[in-house]
Structures are given as C-alpha cells and as structure tokens.
Amino acid sequence: MMKRWITLCTISTALLLPGIAQAGQTVIKEERIVATEVFDGLRVAFKPGAKYANATLIITGPADYQAEVFNKATLPSINLEKYGKVVDGNFRYQLIASTGKEIKILNPGLNNGRGDIPGSKLAGAQLSGVFCVKGGKIVPFEDIPEGKGEQ
C-alpha cells in the first residue's frame, strides 16, 4: 500500500512540475527584422531598415558548414570562408536581434534566487532565409518556369 502511494506521488509530481515551471513565463511574439540582404562574393551582410542591437547571425550549409557571429551594436556581417570550407549548395541563415523596445513582463514568475526579478525585457526580432553558393560565390536562385505539371 505504501509503495503504491509513493509511486502515485512521484507520478503526480512529475506531471505537475512542468506546468508550474511554465506558469511564470510570458509568450511574446517576435517581430520580423526589417533588413535587405547584401551578398558580395562569399560575404553575407544586411542593410538594416531599423535600429537593432545584440544581433546573432547563424549560417548552416552543406558538408556540415556552420558559422555564428555576434554584433552588439548593429546587424552582423560574415565572410563565409573564415569559418570553414565553402562548397556549392544551398545555405540557410537565421538572424536574431533586439529591437531596443522594452516589453513589460506581466507575470515575472517565482523568485529563483538570482537577484531581483526584472520588470521588463527587450523585444526580439528575427529573420531567416536561404541563399545559394555556386562556383565559389553567392549567386541568385535561377528562376524556375512554372509548368502545368503532369496530368
């Protein structure tokens, strides 16, 4: 009887804890970064359409290519060759940054013992996309004509 009670308490606690942990979290929809892609040779950069800070650019590609750069003041740029061998293929990027706008935290959650609980945080924004490397440089995707498809 005691063993069943302990098992029941363990299962109940395991099911209840994730809900308690999430109770203090506020879901905030991120904005889209307003920027224009700038490709030059193997350099990837962005011309910002607004002010951004604390930005991270992550790029992945064929042959396990990965690169990550951070810029505290604006949107970062990257020369792909500095971070590994660049082979022809499609590459993906993700750009994450702070907009500088403060968002009030409505439910700061429980005190986790790490000092004062902040009343606001900076809003985030993100942008992702794909580009193609061919012949050692970034090239625009070729237009693929629309067809009727097979019938």
Protein backbone atom coordinates (compact mmCIF):
# COMPACT_ATOMS: atom_id res chain seq x y z
CA MET A 1 0.00 0.00 0.00
CA MET A 2 2.77 2.44 0.93
CA LYS A 3 4.66 1.60 -2.29
CA ARG A 4 1.58 2.50 -4.39
CA TRP A 5 1.22 5.81 -2.53
CA ILE A 6 4.88 6.73 -3.19
CA THR A 7 4.53 5.78 -6.87
CA LEU A 8 1.34 7.86 -7.18
CA CYS A 9 3.02 10.87 -5.52
CA THR A 10 6.05 10.55 -7.82
CA ILE A 11 3.91 10.39 -10.97
CA SER A 12 1.72 13.31 -9.82
CA THR A 13 4.78 15.45 -9.10
CA ALA A 14 6.34 14.61 -12.48
CA LEU A 15 3.16 15.65 -14.28
CA LEU A 16 2.63 18.81 -12.22
CA LEU A 17 6.14 20.35 -12.23
CA PRO A 18 6.34 21.31 -15.94
CA GLY A 19 3.08 23.25 -15.60
CA ILE A 20 4.35 25.10 -12.55
CA ALA A 21 7.65 25.93 -14.30
CA GLN A 22 5.80 27.43 -17.28
CA ALA A 23 3.33 29.43 -15.17
CA GLY A 24 5.70 32.42 -14.83
CA GLN A 25 6.68 32.55 -18.49
CA THR A 26 5.17 35.10 -20.83
CA VAL A 27 4.83 34.18 -24.51
CA ILE A 28 5.88 37.09 -26.71
CA LYS A 29 5.61 37.04 -30.49
CA GLU A 30 8.85 38.21 -32.07
CA GLU A 31 8.86 40.83 -34.80
CA ARG A 32 10.41 40.32 -38.20
CA ILE A 33 13.72 42.10 -38.77
CA VAL A 34 13.40 44.75 -41.46
CA ALA A 35 16.60 44.48 -43.49
CA THR A 36 17.86 43.94 -47.02
CA GLU A 37 20.21 41.05 -47.78
CA VAL A 38 23.55 42.08 -49.25
CA PHE A 39 25.64 39.34 -50.91
CA ASP A 40 29.12 40.06 -52.28
CA GLY A 41 31.34 37.14 -53.26
CA LEU A 42 31.16 34.97 -50.13
CA ARG A 43 30.20 37.83 -47.80
CA VAL A 44 26.73 37.93 -46.25
CA ALA A 45 25.55 41.24 -44.78
CA PHE A 46 22.31 43.04 -44.04
CA LYS A 47 21.34 46.67 -44.58
CA PRO A 48 19.05 47.40 -41.61
CA GLY A 49 15.77 49.24 -42.10
CA ALA A 50 15.55 50.00 -38.37
CA LYS A 51 17.84 50.08 -35.35
CA TYR A 52 18.89 46.69 -33.95
CA ALA A 53 21.40 45.58 -31.32
CA ASN A 54 22.73 42.38 -29.75
CA ALA A 55 22.36 40.55 -33.05
CA THR A 56 23.43 36.98 -33.80
CA LEU A 57 23.76 35.60 -37.33
CA ILE A 58 23.83 31.81 -37.71
CA ILE A 59 24.58 30.18 -41.08
CA THR A 60 24.46 26.47 -41.92
CA GLY A 61 25.21 24.75 -45.18
CA PRO A 62 26.37 21.61 -46.96
CA ALA A 63 29.23 19.45 -45.65
CA ASP A 64 28.33 20.34 -42.03
CA TYR A 65 29.15 24.02 -42.56
CA GLN A 66 28.28 26.18 -39.54
CA ALA A 67 29.15 29.76 -38.67
CA GLU A 68 27.92 32.13 -35.97
CA VAL A 69 28.76 35.79 -35.40
CA PHE A 70 27.53 38.37 -32.88
CA ASN A 71 27.46 42.16 -33.02
CA LYS A 72 26.42 44.23 -30.02
CA ALA A 73 25.74 47.48 -31.92
CA THR A 74 24.10 46.51 -35.24
CA LEU A 75 23.38 43.61 -37.62
CA PRO A 76 26.49 41.47 -38.20
CA SER A 77 28.12 40.51 -41.50
CA ILE A 78 30.18 37.43 -42.22
CA ASN A 79 32.73 36.19 -44.74
CA LEU A 80 31.88 32.52 -45.19
CA GLU A 81 35.49 31.49 -45.94
CA LYS A 82 36.64 32.48 -42.44
CA TYR A 83 34.52 29.76 -40.83
CA GLY A 84 35.31 26.68 -42.91
CA LYS A 85 35.41 25.20 -46.37
CA VAL A 86 32.58 26.51 -48.55
CA VAL A 87 31.16 24.03 -51.05
CA ASP A 88 28.49 24.62 -53.67
CA GLY A 89 24.92 24.27 -52.44
CA ASN A 90 22.12 25.93 -50.51
CA PHE A 91 22.87 27.70 -47.24
CA ARG A 92 20.40 28.81 -44.58
CA TYR A 93 20.71 31.78 -42.28
CA GLN A 94 18.92 32.92 -39.16
CA LEU A 95 19.31 36.44 -37.82
CA ILE A 96 18.15 37.25 -34.28
CA ALA A 97 18.36 40.71 -32.71
CA SER A 98 16.99 43.05 -30.08
CA THR A 99 14.80 45.92 -31.27
CA GLY A 100 15.51 48.17 -28.29
CA LYS A 101 11.80 48.29 -27.39
CA GLU A 102 11.06 47.33 -23.81
CA ILE A 103 8.25 44.90 -23.05
CA LYS A 104 6.72 44.90 -19.59
CA ILE A 105 6.73 41.43 -18.01
CA LEU A 106 3.22 40.97 -16.65
CA ASN A 107 3.90 37.83 -14.64
CA PRO A 108 7.58 37.65 -13.67
CA GLY A 109 7.14 34.23 -12.03
CA LEU A 110 8.77 32.86 -8.95
CA ASN A 111 11.93 34.23 -7.33
CA ASN A 112 14.68 31.86 -8.47
CA GLY A 113 17.24 33.24 -6.03
CA ARG A 114 19.29 35.01 -8.72
CA GLY A 115 18.67 38.56 -7.61
CA ASP A 116 15.91 40.99 -8.47
CA ILE A 117 13.26 39.89 -10.92
CA PRO A 118 13.23 42.32 -13.89
CA GLY A 119 10.01 44.14 -14.68
CA SER A 120 10.73 44.35 -18.41
CA LYS A 121 12.84 42.87 -21.18
CA LEU A 122 13.96 43.93 -24.64
CA ALA A 123 11.79 42.82 -27.55
CA GLY A 124 13.33 40.46 -30.06
CA ALA A 125 13.11 40.20 -33.82
CA GLN A 126 14.22 37.56 -36.27
CA LEU A 127 14.75 36.93 -39.96
CA SER A 128 15.67 33.76 -41.82
CA GLY A 129 16.37 32.87 -45.40
CA VAL A 130 18.27 30.80 -47.93
CA PHE A 131 21.00 31.58 -50.45
CA CYS A 132 22.97 29.52 -52.95
CA VAL A 133 26.74 29.19 -53.42
CA LYS A 134 27.89 28.15 -56.88
CA GLY A 135 31.42 28.34 -58.27
CA GLY A 136 32.83 29.87 -55.09
CA LYS A 137 30.42 32.79 -54.77
CA ILE A 138 26.87 33.54 -53.72
CA VAL A 139 24.54 33.59 -56.72
CA PRO A 140 20.84 34.42 -57.04
CA PHE A 141 18.47 31.49 -57.37
CA GLU A 142 17.67 30.83 -61.00
CA ASP A 143 14.09 31.42 -62.00
CA ILE A 144 12.25 28.16 -62.46
CA PRO A 145 9.47 28.47 -65.06
CA GLU A 146 6.03 27.38 -63.95
CA GLY A 147 4.67 24.33 -65.65
CA LYS A 148 1.28 22.69 -65.82
CA GLY A 149 2.61 19.58 -64.09
CA GLU A 150 1.85 16.01 -65.01
CA GLN A 151 -1.72 15.01 -65.65
